[in-house]
Amino acid sequence: MEWAFLGLLTFAILIFSLSFFRQDRTKALEKEVDDLTIAYKKEIFIVNKRLKTLEEEHHSLIQQRKKGTAREQLIDDVLDLKSKGHTENEIAKEMKLTENEVISILQTKYQKPSH
């Protein structure tokens, strides 16, 4: 009985000492999780930054398109009134433009490209 107790005690001491030399698996896993978390946060930051850039570009393109569309609509309205026989002065009053602006729009639209 003493030999069994002594054998078990020796075995316990041996296993206990080996546990100090063995790498702590929990710490390694914690470090790996921390590294993955940091990498994930960096990726999210980069994606959010890129998304913000794309949103700004999209907003800028929409603003340019709106400006172009409004300008084209103005030109179309001026041409429509001119085709109905209105004078430049009447068109200017109707569209709340100056007569020079109306004349400029008409000249630009009716100029033929030179080759």
N, C-alpha and C. Protein backbone atom coordinates (compact mmCIF):
# COMPACT_ATOMS: atom_id res chain seq x y z
N MET A 1 0.82 -1.18 0.00
CA MET A 1 0.00 0.00 0.00
C MET A 1 0.87 1.26 0.00
N GLU A 2 1.96 1.19 0.74
CA GLU A 2 2.86 2.34 0.77
C GLU A 2 3.51 2.54 -0.59
N TRP A 3 3.83 1.44 -1.26
CA TRP A 3 4.45 1.54 -2.57
C TRP A 3 3.48 2.16 -3.58
N ALA A 4 2.23 1.82 -3.49
CA ALA A 4 1.22 2.39 -4.40
C ALA A 4 1.07 3.88 -4.14
N PHE A 5 1.01 4.24 -2.86
CA PHE A 5 0.89 5.65 -2.50
C PHE A 5 2.13 6.42 -2.95
N LEU A 6 3.30 5.85 -2.70
CA LEU A 6 4.55 6.49 -3.11
C LEU A 6 4.64 6.60 -4.63
N GLY A 7 4.20 5.58 -5.36
CA GLY A 7 4.20 5.59 -6.82
C GLY A 7 3.26 6.67 -7.36
N LEU A 8 2.06 6.75 -6.76
CA LEU A 8 1.11 7.78 -7.19
C LEU A 8 1.62 9.18 -6.88
N LEU A 9 2.25 9.34 -5.71
CA LEU A 9 2.80 10.64 -5.33
C LEU A 9 3.92 11.05 -6.29
N THR A 10 4.77 10.12 -6.65
CA THR A 10 5.86 10.39 -7.60
C THR A 10 5.29 10.76 -8.97
N PHE A 11 4.29 9.99 -9.39
CA PHE A 11 3.66 10.26 -10.68
C PHE A 11 3.01 11.66 -10.68
N ALA A 12 2.37 12.03 -9.59
CA ALA A 12 1.73 13.34 -9.47
C ALA A 12 2.77 14.46 -9.52
N ILE A 13 3.88 14.27 -8.82
CA ILE A 13 4.95 15.28 -8.83
C ILE A 13 5.54 15.41 -10.23
N LEU A 14 5.73 14.28 -10.89
CA LEU A 14 6.28 14.29 -12.25
C LEU A 14 5.33 15.04 -13.21
N ILE A 15 4.07 14.75 -13.14
CA ILE A 15 3.10 15.43 -14.02
C ILE A 15 3.01 16.92 -13.68
N PHE A 16 3.04 17.23 -12.38
CA PHE A 16 2.99 18.62 -11.95
C PHE A 16 4.20 19.39 -12.48
N SER A 17 5.40 18.80 -12.42
CA SER A 17 6.59 19.48 -12.94
C SER A 17 6.56 19.61 -14.45
N LEU A 18 6.02 18.63 -15.13
CA LEU A 18 5.94 18.72 -16.60
C LEU A 18 4.96 19.82 -17.03
N SER A 19 3.97 20.10 -16.21
CA SER A 19 3.00 21.13 -16.58
C SER A 19 3.65 22.51 -16.64
N PHE A 20 4.72 22.73 -15.89
CA PHE A 20 5.41 24.01 -15.95
C PHE A 20 6.22 24.17 -17.23
N PHE A 21 6.70 23.07 -17.77
CA PHE A 21 7.51 23.13 -18.98
C PHE A 21 6.66 23.14 -20.25
N ARG A 22 5.45 22.72 -20.12
CA ARG A 22 4.55 22.69 -21.27
C ARG A 22 4.05 24.12 -21.54
N GLN A 23 3.92 24.48 -22.82
CA GLN A 23 3.44 25.81 -23.17
C GLN A 23 2.00 25.97 -22.72
N ASP A 24 1.70 27.17 -22.29
CA ASP A 24 0.34 27.43 -21.85
C ASP A 24 -0.52 27.66 -23.10
N ARG A 25 -1.36 26.72 -23.40
CA ARG A 25 -2.19 26.75 -24.61
C ARG A 25 -3.21 27.90 -24.54
N THR A 26 -3.68 28.21 -23.37
CA THR A 26 -4.66 29.27 -23.22
C THR A 26 -4.07 30.62 -23.61
N LYS A 27 -2.86 30.89 -23.16
CA LYS A 27 -2.22 32.16 -23.51
C LYS A 27 -1.97 32.27 -25.01
N ALA A 28 -1.59 31.16 -25.61
CA ALA A 28 -1.36 31.16 -27.06
C ALA A 28 -2.67 31.44 -27.79
N LEU A 29 -3.75 30.84 -27.33
CA LEU A 29 -5.05 31.08 -27.96
C LEU A 29 -5.52 32.52 -27.74
N GLU A 30 -5.29 33.06 -26.55
CA GLU A 30 -5.65 34.45 -26.28
C GLU A 30 -4.88 35.40 -27.19
N LYS A 31 -3.59 35.13 -27.38
CA LYS A 31 -2.78 35.97 -28.26
C LYS A 31 -3.28 35.87 -29.70
N GLU A 32 -3.62 34.67 -30.12
CA GLU A 32 -4.12 34.49 -31.48
C GLU A 32 -5.45 35.23 -31.68
N VAL A 33 -6.33 35.15 -30.69
CA VAL A 33 -7.60 35.87 -30.76
C VAL A 33 -7.36 37.38 -30.79
N ASP A 34 -6.44 37.86 -29.96
CA ASP A 34 -6.11 39.29 -29.95
C ASP A 34 -5.56 39.74 -31.31
N ASP A 35 -4.66 38.94 -31.88
CA ASP A 35 -4.09 39.27 -33.19
C ASP A 35 -5.18 39.31 -34.26
N LEU A 36 -6.08 38.33 -34.22
CA LEU A 36 -7.17 38.30 -35.20
C LEU A 36 -8.10 39.50 -35.02
N THR A 37 -8.35 39.87 -33.77
CA THR A 37 -9.21 41.02 -33.48
C THR A 37 -8.59 42.30 -34.02
N ILE A 38 -7.30 42.47 -33.80
CA ILE A 38 -6.60 43.66 -34.30
C ILE A 38 -6.63 43.69 -35.83
N ALA A 39 -6.35 42.55 -36.45
CA ALA A 39 -6.38 42.49 -37.91
C ALA A 39 -7.78 42.79 -38.44
N TYR A 40 -8.79 42.26 -37.77
CA TYR A 40 -10.18 42.51 -38.16
C TYR A 40 -10.52 44.00 -38.06
N LYS A 41 -10.11 44.62 -36.96
CA LYS A 41 -10.40 46.05 -36.77
C LYS A 41 -9.69 46.90 -37.83
N LYS A 42 -8.45 46.52 -38.18
CA LYS A 42 -7.73 47.24 -39.23
C LYS A 42 -8.47 47.13 -40.56
N GLU A 43 -8.92 45.91 -40.88
CA GLU A 43 -9.64 45.70 -42.13
C GLU A 43 -10.94 46.50 -42.16
N ILE A 44 -11.66 46.50 -41.04
CA ILE A 44 -12.91 47.27 -40.96
C ILE A 44 -12.62 48.76 -41.15
N PHE A 45 -11.54 49.25 -40.55
CA PHE A 45 -11.17 50.65 -40.70
C PHE A 45 -10.89 50.98 -42.16
N ILE A 46 -10.12 50.12 -42.82
CA ILE A 46 -9.78 50.34 -44.23
C ILE A 46 -11.03 50.30 -45.10
N VAL A 47 -11.92 49.34 -44.84
CA VAL A 47 -13.15 49.22 -45.62
C VAL A 47 -14.03 50.45 -45.40
N ASN A 48 -14.16 50.89 -44.15
CA ASN A 48 -14.97 52.09 -43.86
C ASN A 48 -14.39 53.33 -44.53
N LYS A 49 -13.07 53.44 -44.53
CA LYS A 49 -12.41 54.58 -45.17
C LYS A 49 -12.68 54.57 -46.68
N ARG A 50 -12.56 53.40 -47.28
CA ARG A 50 -12.80 53.26 -48.72
C ARG A 50 -14.27 53.54 -49.04
N LEU A 51 -15.17 53.05 -48.17
CA LEU A 51 -16.59 53.28 -48.36
C LEU A 51 -16.91 54.77 -48.30
N LYS A 52 -16.29 55.47 -47.36
CA LYS A 52 -16.51 56.91 -47.24
C LYS A 52 -16.03 57.63 -48.50
N THR A 53 -14.87 57.22 -49.02
CA THR A 53 -14.33 57.81 -50.25
C THR A 53 -15.29 57.58 -51.42
N LEU A 54 -15.79 56.35 -51.53
CA LEU A 54 -16.71 56.03 -52.62
C LEU A 54 -18.02 56.82 -52.49
N GLU A 55 -18.51 56.97 -51.26
CA GLU A 55 -19.73 57.76 -51.05
C GLU A 55 -19.51 59.21 -51.44
N GLU A 56 -18.35 59.77 -51.11
CA GLU A 56 -18.04 61.15 -51.49
C GLU A 56 -17.96 61.30 -53.00
N GLU A 57 -17.32 60.32 -53.67
CA GLU A 57 -17.24 60.36 -55.13
C GLU A 57 -18.63 60.27 -55.75
N HIS A 58 -19.45 59.38 -55.20
CA HIS A 58 -20.81 59.21 -55.70
C HIS A 58 -21.61 60.50 -55.52
N HIS A 59 -21.50 61.10 -54.35
CA HIS A 59 -22.20 62.36 -54.09
C HIS A 59 -21.74 63.45 -55.06
N SER A 60 -20.44 63.50 -55.31
CA SER A 60 -19.89 64.49 -56.23
C SER A 60 -20.43 64.27 -57.65
N LEU A 61 -20.48 63.01 -58.08
CA LEU A 61 -21.00 62.71 -59.42
C LEU A 61 -22.48 63.07 -59.54
N ILE A 62 -23.24 62.81 -58.48
CA ILE A 62 -24.66 63.16 -58.50
C ILE A 62 -24.83 64.67 -58.60
N GLN A 63 -24.02 65.42 -57.84
CA GLN A 63 -24.11 66.88 -57.90
C GLN A 63 -23.76 67.39 -59.29
N GLN A 64 -22.73 66.81 -59.90
CA GLN A 64 -22.35 67.23 -61.26
C GLN A 64 -23.47 66.90 -62.25
N ARG A 65 -24.06 65.73 -62.08
CA ARG A 65 -25.13 65.32 -62.98
C ARG A 65 -26.35 66.24 -62.82
N LYS A 66 -26.66 66.60 -61.57
CA LYS A 66 -27.79 67.51 -61.34
C LYS A 66 -27.53 68.86 -61.99
N LYS A 67 -26.30 69.35 -61.86
CA LYS A 67 -25.96 70.64 -62.47
C LYS A 67 -26.09 70.55 -63.99
N GLY A 68 -25.57 69.47 -64.55
CA GLY A 68 -25.64 69.28 -66.00
C GLY A 68 -27.08 69.15 -66.46
N THR A 69 -27.89 68.43 -65.70
CA THR A 69 -29.28 68.23 -66.05
C THR A 69 -30.06 69.54 -65.98
N ALA A 70 -29.82 70.33 -64.94
CA ALA A 70 -30.52 71.62 -64.80
C ALA A 70 -30.13 72.55 -65.94
N ARG A 71 -28.86 72.56 -66.29
CA ARG A 71 -28.39 73.41 -67.40
C ARG A 71 -29.02 72.97 -68.71
N GLU A 72 -29.05 71.66 -68.94
CA GLU A 72 -29.66 71.14 -70.17
C GLU A 72 -31.15 71.47 -70.22
N GLN A 73 -31.82 71.38 -69.09
CA GLN A 73 -33.25 71.71 -69.03
C GLN A 73 -33.48 73.19 -69.36
N LEU A 74 -32.61 74.03 -68.82
CA LEU A 74 -32.71 75.47 -69.09
C LEU A 74 -32.54 75.74 -70.59
N ILE A 75 -31.54 75.11 -71.19
CA ILE A 75 -31.29 75.29 -72.62
C ILE A 75 -32.50 74.79 -73.42
N ASP A 76 -33.02 73.62 -73.05
CA ASP A 76 -34.18 73.08 -73.76
C ASP A 76 -35.39 74.01 -73.66
N ASP A 77 -35.59 74.58 -72.47
CA ASP A 77 -36.72 75.50 -72.29
C ASP A 77 -36.56 76.76 -73.14
N VAL A 78 -35.34 77.31 -73.17
CA VAL A 78 -35.08 78.50 -73.98
C VAL A 78 -35.31 78.19 -75.45
N LEU A 79 -34.80 77.05 -75.93
CA LEU A 79 -34.98 76.68 -77.33
C LEU A 79 -36.45 76.44 -77.66
N ASP A 80 -37.17 75.84 -76.72
CA ASP A 80 -38.59 75.59 -76.93
C ASP A 80 -39.36 76.90 -77.09
N LEU A 81 -39.08 77.85 -76.20
CA LEU A 81 -39.76 79.14 -76.30
C LEU A 81 -39.39 79.86 -77.60
N LYS A 82 -38.12 79.76 -77.99
CA LYS A 82 -37.67 80.41 -79.24
C LYS A 82 -38.38 79.78 -80.44
N SER A 83 -38.53 78.44 -80.40
CA SER A 83 -39.19 77.76 -81.52
C SER A 83 -40.67 78.12 -81.60
N LYS A 84 -41.24 78.56 -80.50
CA LYS A 84 -42.65 78.98 -80.49
C LYS A 84 -42.82 80.44 -80.92
N GLY A 85 -41.70 81.09 -81.25
CA GLY A 85 -41.77 82.43 -81.80
C GLY A 85 -41.57 83.55 -80.79
N HIS A 86 -41.18 83.22 -79.58
CA HIS A 86 -40.95 84.27 -78.58
C HIS A 86 -39.64 85.00 -78.88
N THR A 87 -39.60 86.27 -78.53
CA THR A 87 -38.37 87.05 -78.70
C THR A 87 -37.42 86.78 -77.53
N GLU A 88 -36.17 87.22 -77.70
CA GLU A 88 -35.19 87.03 -76.64
C GLU A 88 -35.62 87.73 -75.36
N ASN A 89 -36.20 88.91 -75.50
CA ASN A 89 -36.66 89.68 -74.34
C ASN A 89 -37.78 88.93 -73.61
N GLU A 90 -38.73 88.38 -74.35
CA GLU A 90 -39.84 87.62 -73.74
C GLU A 90 -39.32 86.36 -73.03
N ILE A 91 -38.39 85.70 -73.69
CA ILE A 91 -37.80 84.48 -73.09
C ILE A 91 -37.07 84.84 -71.80
N ALA A 92 -36.33 85.94 -71.82
CA ALA A 92 -35.58 86.37 -70.64
C ALA A 92 -36.53 86.63 -69.48
N LYS A 93 -37.63 87.33 -69.75
CA LYS A 93 -38.60 87.60 -68.68
C LYS A 93 -39.25 86.30 -68.18
N GLU A 94 -39.61 85.44 -69.10
CA GLU A 94 -40.27 84.17 -68.76
C GLU A 94 -39.35 83.27 -67.93
N MET A 95 -38.08 83.20 -68.31
CA MET A 95 -37.13 82.29 -67.66
C MET A 95 -36.36 82.96 -66.51
N LYS A 96 -36.63 84.26 -66.28
CA LYS A 96 -35.93 85.03 -65.25
C LYS A 96 -34.42 85.03 -65.50
N LEU A 97 -34.08 85.30 -66.75
CA LEU A 97 -32.68 85.43 -67.17
C LEU A 97 -32.50 86.82 -67.75
N THR A 98 -31.23 87.17 -67.98
CA THR A 98 -30.99 88.42 -68.69
C THR A 98 -31.11 88.13 -70.19
N GLU A 99 -31.33 89.18 -70.94
CA GLU A 99 -31.44 89.01 -72.39
C GLU A 99 -30.12 88.51 -72.97
N ASN A 100 -29.00 88.98 -72.41
CA ASN A 100 -27.68 88.53 -72.87
C ASN A 100 -27.48 87.03 -72.63
N GLU A 101 -28.00 86.52 -71.50
CA GLU A 101 -27.89 85.08 -71.22
C GLU A 101 -28.69 84.28 -72.24
N VAL A 102 -29.85 84.75 -72.57
CA VAL A 102 -30.69 84.07 -73.56
C VAL A 102 -29.99 84.07 -74.92
N ILE A 103 -29.45 85.22 -75.30
CA ILE A 103 -28.74 85.33 -76.59
C ILE A 103 -27.54 84.39 -76.60
N SER A 104 -26.81 84.34 -75.48
CA SER A 104 -25.64 83.46 -75.38
C SER A 104 -26.04 81.99 -75.53
N ILE A 105 -27.14 81.61 -74.88
CA ILE A 105 -27.61 80.22 -75.00
C ILE A 105 -27.99 79.91 -76.44
N LEU A 106 -28.70 80.81 -77.06
CA LEU A 106 -29.12 80.58 -78.45
C LEU A 106 -27.94 80.53 -79.40
N GLN A 107 -26.96 81.41 -79.20
CA GLN A 107 -25.78 81.41 -80.07
C GLN A 107 -24.98 80.12 -79.89
N THR A 108 -24.82 79.71 -78.67
CA THR A 108 -24.06 78.48 -78.39
C THR A 108 -24.75 77.28 -79.01
N LYS A 109 -26.06 77.23 -78.91
CA LYS A 109 -26.80 76.08 -79.40
C LYS A 109 -26.87 76.04 -80.91
N TYR A 110 -26.93 77.21 -81.54
CA TYR A 110 -27.09 77.26 -82.99
C TYR A 110 -25.76 77.36 -83.74
N GLN A 111 -24.64 77.47 -83.03
CA GLN A 111 -23.35 77.52 -83.71
C GLN A 111 -23.05 76.15 -84.30
N LYS A 112 -22.56 76.15 -85.52
CA LYS A 112 -22.19 74.89 -86.16
C LYS A 112 -20.72 74.64 -85.90
N PRO A 113 -20.37 73.39 -85.55
CA PRO A 113 -18.95 73.10 -85.34
C PRO A 113 -18.17 73.25 -86.64
N SER A 114 -17.00 73.88 -86.56
CA SER A 114 -16.17 74.08 -87.75
C SER A 114 -15.19 72.93 -87.88
N HIS A 115 -15.02 72.46 -89.10
CA HIS A 115 -14.10 71.33 -89.36
C HIS A 115 -12.96 71.79 -90.19
